[in-house]
Amino acid sequence: QKLNAARTTNYKLLRKYPTSGFDLSVVSALRTPVDQIQDELVKLAGADLAAIDFLRQYDGPPLRPGEKSVSYHLEIGAQDHTLSADEAAEIRNRIIEGMRGLGFDLRV
């Protein structure tokens, strides 16, 4: 018996220029879904985001009861040039300030 399943392959454009990475821990209510936090980070990083990886989730001291810290590693970069240190810091700060604007605390 032959399977008649269509196979698709998606390719992602490789970046010509190096990326810059940093870790970020977002403090939220225990009930906040991790994918909601990640979606907000992705939106705020925009086209500058090369990759995002979940690192860990933690709840306990020194966090208050009912809180958790969710940590990610973000890789950022431009498609057309190598980011300067100032550009990378600007993107990182935009993400941090955006998350704070949404009511999240951050451990940076």
PDB file of N, CA and C in Angstrom:
ATOM      1  N   GLN A   1       0.850  -1.175   0.000  1.00  0.00           N
ATOM      2  CA  GLN A   1       0.000   0.000   0.000  1.00  0.00           C
ATOM      3  C   GLN A   1       0.899   1.242   0.000  1.00  0.00           C
ATOM      4  N   LYS A   2       0.595   2.162  -0.858  1.00  0.00           N
ATOM      5  CA  LYS A   2       1.382   3.371  -1.033  1.00  0.00           C
ATOM      6  C   LYS A   2       0.735   4.539  -0.291  1.00  0.00           C
ATOM      7  N   LEU A   3       1.556   5.286   0.448  1.00  0.00           N
ATOM      8  CA  LEU A   3       1.037   6.483   1.111  1.00  0.00           C
ATOM      9  C   LEU A   3       1.035   7.628   0.122  1.00  0.00           C
ATOM     10  N   ASN A   4      -0.033   8.333   0.073  1.00  0.00           N
ATOM     11  CA  ASN A   4      -0.138   9.450  -0.852  1.00  0.00           C
ATOM     12  C   ASN A   4      -0.131  10.757  -0.072  1.00  0.00           C
ATOM     13  N   ALA A   5       0.982  11.014   0.601  1.00  0.00           N
ATOM     14  CA  ALA A   5       1.103  12.234   1.410  1.00  0.00           C
ATOM     15  C   ALA A   5       1.994  13.228   0.687  1.00  0.00           C
ATOM     16  N   ALA A   6       1.541  14.430   0.581  1.00  0.00           N
ATOM     17  CA  ALA A   6       2.340  15.483  -0.049  1.00  0.00           C
ATOM     18  C   ALA A   6       3.410  15.929   0.935  1.00  0.00           C
ATOM     19  N   ARG A   7       4.606  16.036   0.442  1.00  0.00           N
ATOM     20  CA  ARG A   7       5.718  16.443   1.289  1.00  0.00           C
ATOM     21  C   ARG A   7       6.147  17.850   0.901  1.00  0.00           C
ATOM     22  N   THR A   8       6.223  18.727   1.889  1.00  0.00           N
ATOM     23  CA  THR A   8       6.675  20.084   1.613  1.00  0.00           C
ATOM     24  C   THR A   8       7.917  20.365   2.437  1.00  0.00           C
ATOM     25  N   THR A   9       8.774  21.177   1.873  1.00  0.00           N
ATOM     26  CA  THR A   9       9.989  21.583   2.560  1.00  0.00           C
ATOM     27  C   THR A   9      10.031  23.101   2.579  1.00  0.00           C
ATOM     28  N   ASN A  10      10.202  23.648   3.758  1.00  0.00           N
ATOM     29  CA  ASN A  10      10.314  25.095   3.902  1.00  0.00           C
ATOM     30  C   ASN A  10      11.762  25.459   4.164  1.00  0.00           C
ATOM     31  N   TYR A  11      12.239  26.417   3.436  1.00  0.00           N
ATOM     32  CA  TYR A  11      13.601  26.878   3.612  1.00  0.00           C
ATOM     33  C   TYR A  11      13.588  28.273   4.206  1.00  0.00           C
ATOM     34  N   LYS A  12      14.535  28.517   5.077  1.00  0.00           N
ATOM     35  CA  LYS A  12      14.677  29.829   5.682  1.00  0.00           C
ATOM     36  C   LYS A  12      15.969  30.444   5.152  1.00  0.00           C
ATOM     37  N   LEU A  13      15.890  31.683   4.722  1.00  0.00           N
ATOM     38  CA  LEU A  13      17.048  32.372   4.180  1.00  0.00           C
ATOM     39  C   LEU A  13      18.159  32.446   5.226  1.00  0.00           C
ATOM     40  N   LEU A  14      19.342  32.016   4.846  1.00  0.00           N
ATOM     41  CA  LEU A  14      20.479  32.101   5.768  1.00  0.00           C
ATOM     42  C   LEU A  14      20.931  33.544   5.877  1.00  0.00           C
ATOM     43  N   ARG A  15      21.357  33.902   7.052  1.00  0.00           N
ATOM     44  CA  ARG A  15      21.842  35.265   7.267  1.00  0.00           C
ATOM     45  C   ARG A  15      23.300  35.357   6.831  1.00  0.00           C
ATOM     46  N   LYS A  16      23.616  36.419   6.110  1.00  0.00           N
ATOM     47  CA  LYS A  16      24.988  36.645   5.665  1.00  0.00           C
ATOM     48  C   LYS A  16      25.823  37.278   6.765  1.00  0.00           C
ATOM     49  N   TYR A  17      25.153  37.950   7.689  1.00  0.00           N
ATOM     50  CA  TYR A  17      25.852  38.723   8.710  1.00  0.00           C
ATOM     51  C   TYR A  17      25.648  38.091  10.083  1.00  0.00           C
ATOM     52  N   PRO A  18      26.630  38.255  10.959  1.00  0.00           N
ATOM     53  CA  PRO A  18      26.534  37.614  12.281  1.00  0.00           C
ATOM     54  C   PRO A  18      25.408  38.189  13.125  1.00  0.00           C
ATOM     55  N   THR A  19      24.978  37.386  14.077  1.00  0.00           N
ATOM     56  CA  THR A  19      23.936  37.804  15.006  1.00  0.00           C
ATOM     57  C   THR A  19      24.558  38.082  16.370  1.00  0.00           C
ATOM     58  N   SER A  20      23.788  38.712  17.210  1.00  0.00           N
ATOM     59  CA  SER A  20      24.206  39.008  18.577  1.00  0.00           C
ATOM     60  C   SER A  20      23.165  38.402  19.502  1.00  0.00           C
ATOM     61  N   GLY A  21      23.605  37.723  20.551  1.00  0.00           N
ATOM     62  CA  GLY A  21      22.667  37.058  21.435  1.00  0.00           C
ATOM     63  C   GLY A  21      22.672  37.593  22.848  1.00  0.00           C
ATOM     64  N   PHE A  22      21.543  37.430  23.512  1.00  0.00           N
ATOM     65  CA  PHE A  22      21.439  37.802  24.917  1.00  0.00           C
ATOM     66  C   PHE A  22      20.319  36.996  25.562  1.00  0.00           C
ATOM     67  N   ASP A  23      20.408  36.845  26.867  1.00  0.00           N
ATOM     68  CA  ASP A  23      19.384  36.151  27.643  1.00  0.00           C
ATOM     69  C   ASP A  23      18.482  37.172  28.307  1.00  0.00           C
ATOM     70  N   LEU A  24      17.227  36.805  28.453  1.00  0.00           N
ATOM     71  CA  LEU A  24      16.243  37.694  29.047  1.00  0.00           C
ATOM     72  C   LEU A  24      15.285  36.847  29.875  1.00  0.00           C
ATOM     73  N   SER A  25      15.020  37.257  31.107  1.00  0.00           N
ATOM     74  CA  SER A  25      14.073  36.565  31.976  1.00  0.00           C
ATOM     75  C   SER A  25      12.882  37.473  32.242  1.00  0.00           C
ATOM     76  N   VAL A  26      11.709  36.966  31.926  1.00  0.00           N
ATOM     77  CA  VAL A  26      10.467  37.717  32.075  1.00  0.00           C
ATOM     78  C   VAL A  26       9.729  37.185  33.298  1.00  0.00           C
ATOM     79  N   VAL A  27       9.364  38.086  34.202  1.00  0.00           N
ATOM     80  CA  VAL A  27       8.620  37.715  35.400  1.00  0.00           C
ATOM     81  C   VAL A  27       7.140  37.978  35.123  1.00  0.00           C
ATOM     82  N   SER A  28       6.341  36.948  35.370  1.00  0.00           N
ATOM     83  CA  SER A  28       4.913  37.073  35.108  1.00  0.00           C
ATOM     84  C   SER A  28       4.130  36.266  36.145  1.00  0.00           C
ATOM     85  N   ALA A  29       2.829  36.360  36.050  1.00  0.00           N
ATOM     86  CA  ALA A  29       1.966  35.534  36.904  1.00  0.00           C
ATOM     87  C   ALA A  29       2.143  34.076  36.498  1.00  0.00           C
ATOM     88  N   LEU A  30       2.039  33.179  37.480  1.00  0.00           N
ATOM     89  CA  LEU A  30       2.173  31.746  37.208  1.00  0.00           C
ATOM     90  C   LEU A  30       1.228  31.276  36.103  1.00  0.00           C
ATOM     91  N   ARG A  31       0.062  31.874  36.017  1.00  0.00           N
ATOM     92  CA  ARG A  31      -0.961  31.426  35.066  1.00  0.00           C
ATOM     93  C   ARG A  31      -0.751  31.978  33.656  1.00  0.00           C
ATOM     94  N   THR A  32       0.197  32.874  33.461  1.00  0.00           N
ATOM     95  CA  THR A  32       0.447  33.420  32.130  1.00  0.00           C
ATOM     96  C   THR A  32       1.088  32.340  31.259  1.00  0.00           C
ATOM     97  N   PRO A  33       0.486  32.009  30.124  1.00  0.00           N
ATOM     98  CA  PRO A  33       1.061  30.976  29.263  1.00  0.00           C
ATOM     99  C   PRO A  33       2.440  31.391  28.719  1.00  0.00           C
ATOM    100  N   VAL A  34       3.350  30.448  28.717  1.00  0.00           N
ATOM    101  CA  VAL A  34       4.705  30.701  28.233  1.00  0.00           C
ATOM    102  C   VAL A  34       4.675  31.125  26.770  1.00  0.00           C
ATOM    103  N   ASP A  35       3.792  30.532  25.967  1.00  0.00           N
ATOM    104  CA  ASP A  35       3.749  30.903  24.556  1.00  0.00           C
ATOM    105  C   ASP A  35       3.252  32.329  24.353  1.00  0.00           C
ATOM    106  N   GLN A  36       2.451  32.854  25.274  1.00  0.00           N
ATOM    107  CA  GLN A  36       2.022  34.254  25.192  1.00  0.00           C
ATOM    108  C   GLN A  36       3.229  35.171  25.409  1.00  0.00           C
ATOM    109  N   ILE A  37       4.067  34.841  26.374  1.00  0.00           N
ATOM    110  CA  ILE A  37       5.265  35.633  26.644  1.00  0.00           C
ATOM    111  C   ILE A  37       6.183  35.601  25.425  1.00  0.00           C
ATOM    112  N   GLN A  38       6.392  34.404  24.882  1.00  0.00           N
ATOM    113  CA  GLN A  38       7.272  34.268  23.720  1.00  0.00           C
ATOM    114  C   GLN A  38       6.712  35.030  22.517  1.00  0.00           C
ATOM    115  N   ASP A  39       5.411  34.957  22.300  1.00  0.00           N
ATOM    116  CA  ASP A  39       4.792  35.690  21.183  1.00  0.00           C
ATOM    117  C   ASP A  39       5.039  37.186  21.301  1.00  0.00           C
ATOM    118  N   GLU A  40       4.942  37.725  22.506  1.00  0.00           N
ATOM    119  CA  GLU A  40       5.187  39.162  22.706  1.00  0.00           C
ATOM    120  C   GLU A  40       6.650  39.514  22.418  1.00  0.00           C
ATOM    121  N   LEU A  41       7.579  38.663  22.855  1.00  0.00           N
ATOM    122  CA  LEU A  41       8.989  38.901  22.575  1.00  0.00           C
ATOM    123  C   LEU A  41       9.251  38.903  21.070  1.00  0.00           C
ATOM    124  N   VAL A  42       8.649  37.951  20.368  1.00  0.00           N
ATOM    125  CA  VAL A  42       8.818  37.856  18.914  1.00  0.00           C
ATOM    126  C   VAL A  42       8.279  39.114  18.235  1.00  0.00           C
ATOM    127  N   LYS A  43       7.098  39.576  18.649  1.00  0.00           N
ATOM    128  CA  LYS A  43       6.504  40.783  18.058  1.00  0.00           C
ATOM    129  C   LYS A  43       7.403  41.998  18.277  1.00  0.00           C
ATOM    130  N   LEU A  44       7.894  42.142  19.500  1.00  0.00           N
ATOM    131  CA  LEU A  44       8.711  43.316  19.824  1.00  0.00           C
ATOM    132  C   LEU A  44      10.054  43.297  19.093  1.00  0.00           C
ATOM    133  N   ALA A  45      10.626  42.124  18.894  1.00  0.00           N
ATOM    134  CA  ALA A  45      11.913  42.031  18.186  1.00  0.00           C
ATOM    135  C   ALA A  45      11.721  42.270  16.699  1.00  0.00           C
ATOM    136  N   GLY A  46      10.589  41.863  16.161  1.00  0.00           N
ATOM    137  CA  GLY A  46      10.299  42.083  14.748  1.00  0.00           C
ATOM    138  C   GLY A  46      11.275  41.366  13.827  1.00  0.00           C
ATOM    139  N   ALA A  47      11.570  41.993  12.709  1.00  0.00           N
ATOM    140  CA  ALA A  47      12.435  41.398  11.679  1.00  0.00           C
ATOM    141  C   ALA A  47      13.872  41.221  12.158  1.00  0.00           C
ATOM    142  N   ASP A  48      14.238  41.872  13.253  1.00  0.00           N
ATOM    143  CA  ASP A  48      15.604  41.759  13.775  1.00  0.00           C
ATOM    144  C   ASP A  48      15.847  40.437  14.497  1.00  0.00           C
ATOM    145  N   LEU A  49      14.785  39.681  14.786  1.00  0.00           N
ATOM    146  CA  LEU A  49      14.925  38.418  15.505  1.00  0.00           C
ATOM    147  C   LEU A  49      15.383  37.314  14.560  1.00  0.00           C
ATOM    148  N   ALA A  50      16.535  36.725  14.875  1.00  0.00           N
ATOM    149  CA  ALA A  50      17.041  35.597  14.084  1.00  0.00           C
ATOM    150  C   ALA A  50      16.581  34.279  14.701  1.00  0.00           C
ATOM    151  N   ALA A  51      16.510  34.218  16.036  1.00  0.00           N
ATOM    152  CA  ALA A  51      16.109  32.989  16.723  1.00  0.00           C
ATOM    153  C   ALA A  51      15.721  33.312  18.156  1.00  0.00           C
ATOM    154  N   ILE A  52      14.832  32.486  18.701  1.00  0.00           N
ATOM    155  CA  ILE A  52      14.470  32.595  20.109  1.00  0.00           C
ATOM    156  C   ILE A  52      14.379  31.176  20.665  1.00  0.00           C
ATOM    157  N   ASP A  53      15.004  30.968  21.808  1.00  0.00           N
ATOM    158  CA  ASP A  53      15.007  29.656  22.437  1.00  0.00           C
ATOM    159  C   ASP A  53      14.563  29.770  23.888  1.00  0.00           C
ATOM    160  N   PHE A  54      13.616  28.925  24.273  1.00  0.00           N
ATOM    161  CA  PHE A  54      13.187  28.825  25.665  1.00  0.00           C
ATOM    162  C   PHE A  54      14.330  28.185  26.452  1.00  0.00           C
ATOM    163  N   LEU A  55      14.699  28.780  27.579  1.00  0.00           N
ATOM    164  CA  LEU A  55      15.765  28.225  28.407  1.00  0.00           C
ATOM    165  C   LEU A  55      15.215  27.492  29.627  1.00  0.00           C
ATOM    166  N   ARG A  56      14.395  28.190  30.413  1.00  0.00           N
ATOM    167  CA  ARG A  56      13.886  27.568  31.633  1.00  0.00           C
ATOM    168  C   ARG A  56      12.761  28.417  32.229  1.00  0.00           C
ATOM    169  N   GLN A  57      12.032  27.765  33.124  1.00  0.00           N
ATOM    170  CA  GLN A  57      10.997  28.437  33.906  1.00  0.00           C
ATOM    171  C   GLN A  57      11.303  28.173  35.366  1.00  0.00           C
ATOM    172  N   TYR A  58      11.124  29.193  36.203  1.00  0.00           N
ATOM    173  CA  TYR A  58      11.433  29.062  37.622  1.00  0.00           C
ATOM    174  C   TYR A  58      10.361  29.770  38.430  1.00  0.00           C
ATOM    175  N   ASP A  59       9.959  29.156  39.537  1.00  0.00           N
ATOM    176  CA  ASP A  59       9.138  29.864  40.518  1.00  0.00           C
ATOM    177  C   ASP A  59       9.639  29.465  41.898  1.00  0.00           C
ATOM    178  N   GLY A  60       9.759  30.435  42.736  1.00  0.00           N
ATOM    179  CA  GLY A  60      10.310  30.243  44.076  1.00  0.00           C
ATOM    180  C   GLY A  60      11.066  31.498  44.475  1.00  0.00           C
ATOM    181  N   PRO A  61      11.650  31.490  45.672  1.00  0.00           N
ATOM    182  CA  PRO A  61      12.382  32.665  46.123  1.00  0.00           C
ATOM    183  C   PRO A  61      13.502  33.023  45.147  1.00  0.00           C
ATOM    184  N   PRO A  62      13.736  34.277  44.902  1.00  0.00           N
ATOM    185  CA  PRO A  62      13.208  35.482  45.536  1.00  0.00           C
ATOM    186  C   PRO A  62      11.918  36.008  44.921  1.00  0.00           C
ATOM    187  N   LEU A  63      11.297  35.255  44.011  1.00  0.00           N
ATOM    188  CA  LEU A  63      10.039  35.700  43.419  1.00  0.00           C
ATOM    189  C   LEU A  63       8.921  35.618  44.447  1.00  0.00           C
ATOM    190  N   ARG A  64       7.932  36.472  44.261  1.00  0.00           N
ATOM    191  CA  ARG A  64       6.766  36.452  45.148  1.00  0.00           C
ATOM    192  C   ARG A  64       5.896  35.236  44.843  1.00  0.00           C
ATOM    193  N   PRO A  65       5.115  34.781  45.805  1.00  0.00           N
ATOM    194  CA  PRO A  65       4.182  33.681  45.546  1.00  0.00           C
ATOM    195  C   PRO A  65       3.253  34.065  44.391  1.00  0.00           C
ATOM    196  N   GLY A  66       3.018  33.125  43.490  1.00  0.00           N
ATOM    197  CA  GLY A  66       2.153  33.385  42.343  1.00  0.00           C
ATOM    198  C   GLY A  66       2.880  33.934  41.136  1.00  0.00           C
ATOM    199  N   GLU A  67       4.204  34.073  41.226  1.00  0.00           N
ATOM    200  CA  GLU A  67       5.003  34.571  40.113  1.00  0.00           C
ATOM    201  C   GLU A  67       5.943  33.489  39.594  1.00  0.00           C
ATOM    202  N   LYS A  68       6.333  33.647  38.335  1.00  0.00           N
ATOM    203  CA  LYS A  68       7.341  32.778  37.737  1.00  0.00           C
ATOM    204  C   LYS A  68       8.264  33.630  36.888  1.00  0.00           C
ATOM    205  N   SER A  69       9.433  33.105  36.641  1.00  0.00           N
ATOM    206  CA  SER A  69      10.399  33.738  35.759  1.00  0.00           C
ATOM    207  C   SER A  69      10.606  32.790  34.586  1.00  0.00           C
ATOM    208  N   VAL A  70      10.431  33.297  33.378  1.00  0.00           N
ATOM    209  CA  VAL A  70      10.603  32.503  32.166  1.00  0.00           C
ATOM    210  C   VAL A  70      11.780  33.099  31.400  1.00  0.00           C
ATOM    211  N   SER A  71      12.805  32.275  31.140  1.00  0.00           N
ATOM    212  CA  SER A  71      14.032  32.763  30.506  1.00  0.00           C
ATOM    213  C   SER A  71      14.145  32.285  29.065  1.00  0.00           C
ATOM    214  N   TYR A  72      14.630  33.189  28.227  1.00  0.00           N
ATOM    215  CA  TYR A  72      14.827  32.931  26.801  1.00  0.00           C
ATOM    216  C   TYR A  72      16.211  33.403  26.388  1.00  0.00           C
ATOM    217  N   HIS A  73      16.712  32.804  25.324  1.00  0.00           N
ATOM    218  CA  HIS A  73      17.908  33.314  24.653  1.00  0.00           C
ATOM    219  C   HIS A  73      17.438  33.842  23.303  1.00  0.00           C
ATOM    220  N   LEU A  74      17.743  35.101  23.033  1.00  0.00           N
ATOM    221  CA  LEU A  74      17.355  35.730  21.771  1.00  0.00           C
ATOM    222  C   LEU A  74      18.597  36.019  20.943  1.00  0.00           C
ATOM    223  N   GLU A  75      18.531  35.748  19.653  1.00  0.00           N
ATOM    224  CA  GLU A  75      19.577  36.094  18.696  1.00  0.00           C
ATOM    225  C   GLU A  75      18.983  37.144  17.773  1.00  0.00           C
ATOM    226  N   ILE A  76      19.653  38.285  17.680  1.00  0.00           N
ATOM    227  CA  ILE A  76      19.174  39.363  16.825  1.00  0.00           C
ATOM    228  C   ILE A  76      20.226  39.702  15.785  1.00  0.00           C
ATOM    229  N   GLY A  77      19.771  40.231  14.668  1.00  0.00           N
ATOM    230  CA  GLY A  77      20.696  40.624  13.614  1.00  0.00           C
ATOM    231  C   GLY A  77      19.936  41.243  12.456  1.00  0.00           C
ATOM    232  N   ALA A  78      20.682  41.938  11.622  1.00  0.00           N
ATOM    233  CA  ALA A  78      20.107  42.548  10.426  1.00  0.00           C
ATOM    234  C   ALA A  78      20.423  41.676   9.214  1.00  0.00           C
ATOM    235  N   GLN A  79      19.567  41.733   8.207  1.00  0.00           N
ATOM    236  CA  GLN A  79      19.791  40.957   6.982  1.00  0.00           C
ATOM    237  C   GLN A  79      20.825  41.615   6.071  1.00  0.00           C
ATOM    238  N   ASP A  80      21.039  42.926   6.231  1.00  0.00           N
ATOM    239  CA  ASP A  80      21.873  43.637   5.266  1.00  0.00           C
ATOM    240  C   ASP A  80      23.183  44.212   5.817  1.00  0.00           C
ATOM    241  N   HIS A  81      23.448  43.999   7.093  1.00  0.00           N
ATOM    242  CA  HIS A  81      24.710  44.493   7.661  1.00  0.00           C
ATOM    243  C   HIS A  81      24.935  43.876   9.041  1.00  0.00           C
ATOM    244  N   THR A  82      26.145  44.018   9.539  1.00  0.00           N
ATOM    245  CA  THR A  82      26.444  43.589  10.897  1.00  0.00           C
ATOM    246  C   THR A  82      25.976  44.679  11.847  1.00  0.00           C
ATOM    247  N   LEU A  83      25.215  44.299  12.863  1.00  0.00           N
ATOM    248  CA  LEU A  83      24.732  45.284  13.833  1.00  0.00           C
ATOM    249  C   LEU A  83      25.897  45.867  14.621  1.00  0.00           C
ATOM    250  N   SER A  84      25.844  47.167  14.831  1.00  0.00           N
ATOM    251  CA  SER A  84      26.808  47.794  15.737  1.00  0.00           C
ATOM    252  C   SER A  84      26.369  47.498  17.167  1.00  0.00           C
ATOM    253  N   ALA A  85      27.246  47.726  18.106  1.00  0.00           N
ATOM    254  CA  ALA A  85      26.897  47.527  19.521  1.00  0.00           C
ATOM    255  C   ALA A  85      25.719  48.417  19.904  1.00  0.00           C
ATOM    256  N   ASP A  86      25.697  49.641  19.382  1.00  0.00           N
ATOM    257  CA  ASP A  86      24.598  50.563  19.686  1.00  0.00           C
ATOM    258  C   ASP A  86      23.272  50.065  19.108  1.00  0.00           C
ATOM    259  N   GLU A  87      23.301  49.522  17.886  1.00  0.00           N
ATOM    260  CA  GLU A  87      22.077  48.995  17.274  1.00  0.00           C
ATOM    261  C   GLU A  87      21.552  47.791  18.054  1.00  0.00           C
ATOM    262  N   ALA A  88      22.452  46.905  18.457  1.00  0.00           N
ATOM    263  CA  ALA A  88      22.043  45.731  19.239  1.00  0.00           C
ATOM    264  C   ALA A  88      21.449  46.167  20.574  1.00  0.00           C
ATOM    265  N   ALA A  89      22.068  47.138  21.223  1.00  0.00           N
ATOM    266  CA  ALA A  89      21.554  47.643  22.499  1.00  0.00           C
ATOM    267  C   ALA A  89      20.194  48.297  22.314  1.00  0.00           C
ATOM    268  N   GLU A  90      20.003  48.991  21.205  1.00  0.00           N
ATOM    269  CA  GLU A  90      18.721  49.645  20.924  1.00  0.00           C
ATOM    270  C   GLU A  90      17.607  48.613  20.752  1.00  0.00           C
ATOM    271  N   ILE A  91      17.887  47.531  20.044  1.00  0.00           N
ATOM    272  CA  ILE A  91      16.893  46.471  19.853  1.00  0.00           C
ATOM    273  C   ILE A  91      16.576  45.813  21.191  1.00  0.00           C
ATOM    274  N   ARG A  92      17.608  45.502  21.948  1.00  0.00           N
ATOM    275  CA  ARG A  92      17.424  44.868  23.265  1.00  0.00           C
ATOM    276  C   ARG A  92      16.579  45.771  24.166  1.00  0.00           C
ATOM    277  N   ASN A  93      16.914  47.059  24.196  1.00  0.00           N
ATOM    278  CA  ASN A  93      16.159  48.006  25.031  1.00  0.00           C
ATOM    279  C   ASN A  93      14.715  48.142  24.560  1.00  0.00           C
ATOM    280  N   ARG A  94      14.496  48.101  23.243  1.00  0.00           N
ATOM    281  CA  ARG A  94      13.133  48.174  22.694  1.00  0.00           C
ATOM    282  C   ARG A  94      12.310  46.981  23.184  1.00  0.00           C
ATOM    283  N   ILE A  95      12.914  45.801  23.201  1.00  0.00           N
ATOM    284  CA  ILE A  95      12.222  44.601  23.665  1.00  0.00           C
ATOM    285  C   ILE A  95      11.911  44.712  25.159  1.00  0.00           C
ATOM    286  N   ILE A  96      12.908  45.125  25.944  1.00  0.00           N
ATOM    287  CA  ILE A  96      12.732  45.247  27.395  1.00  0.00           C
ATOM    288  C   ILE A  96      11.655  46.277  27.729  1.00  0.00           C
ATOM    289  N   GLU A  97      11.740  47.448  27.115  1.00  0.00           N
ATOM    290  CA  GLU A  97      10.755  48.500  27.400  1.00  0.00           C
ATOM    291  C   GLU A  97       9.369  48.096  26.923  1.00  0.00           C
ATOM    292  N   GLY A  98       9.293  47.393  25.799  1.00  0.00           N
ATOM    293  CA  GLY A  98       8.004  46.912  25.300  1.00  0.00           C
ATOM    294  C   GLY A  98       7.359  45.922  26.249  1.00  0.00           C
ATOM    295  N   MET A  99       8.161  45.008  26.787  1.00  0.00           N
ATOM    296  CA  MET A  99       7.624  44.030  27.741  1.00  0.00           C
ATOM    297  C   MET A  99       7.179  44.724  29.024  1.00  0.00           C
ATOM    298  N   ARG A 100       7.957  45.691  29.477  1.00  0.00           N
ATOM    299  CA  ARG A 100       7.553  46.454  30.664  1.00  0.00           C
ATOM    300  C   ARG A 100       6.260  47.206  30.397  1.00  0.00           C
ATOM    301  N   GLY A 101       6.131  47.738  29.186  1.00  0.00           N
ATOM    302  CA  GLY A 101       4.906  48.444  28.796  1.00  0.00           C
ATOM    303  C   GLY A 101       3.686  47.545  28.799  1.00  0.00           C
ATOM    304  N   LEU A 102       3.916  46.246  28.607  1.00  0.00           N
ATOM    305  CA  LEU A 102       2.827  45.268  28.636  1.00  0.00           C
ATOM    306  C   LEU A 102       2.539  44.774  30.052  1.00  0.00           C
ATOM    307  N   GLY A 103       3.300  45.289  31.040  1.00  0.00           N
ATOM    308  CA  GLY A 103       3.061  44.934  32.431  1.00  0.00           C
ATOM    309  C   GLY A 103       3.942  43.835  32.976  1.00  0.00           C
ATOM    310  N   PHE A 104       4.929  43.401  32.219  1.00  0.00           N
ATOM    311  CA  PHE A 104       5.838  42.349  32.698  1.00  0.00           C
ATOM    312  C   PHE A 104       7.042  42.985  33.392  1.00  0.00           C
ATOM    313  N   ASP A 105       7.541  42.316  34.431  1.00  0.00           N
ATOM    314  CA  ASP A 105       8.804  42.698  35.031  1.00  0.00           C
ATOM    315  C   ASP A 105       9.881  41.892  34.346  1.00  0.00           C
ATOM    316  N   LEU A 106      11.096  42.422  34.331  1.00  0.00           N
ATOM    317  CA  LEU A 106      12.204  41.700  33.696  1.00  0.00           C
ATOM    318  C   LEU A 106      13.379  41.593  34.621  1.00  0.00           C
ATOM    319  N   ARG A 107      14.056  40.464  34.506  1.00  0.00           N
ATOM    320  CA  ARG A 107      15.318  40.252  35.217  1.00  0.00           C
ATOM    321  C   ARG A 107      16.368  40.215  34.123  1.00  0.00           C
ATOM    322  N   VAL A 108      17.135  41.265  34.006  1.00  0.00           N
ATOM    323  CA  VAL A 108      18.123  41.359  32.926  1.00  0.00           C
ATOM    324  C   VAL A 108      19.538  41.308  33.454  1.00  0.00           C
TER     325      VAL A 108
END
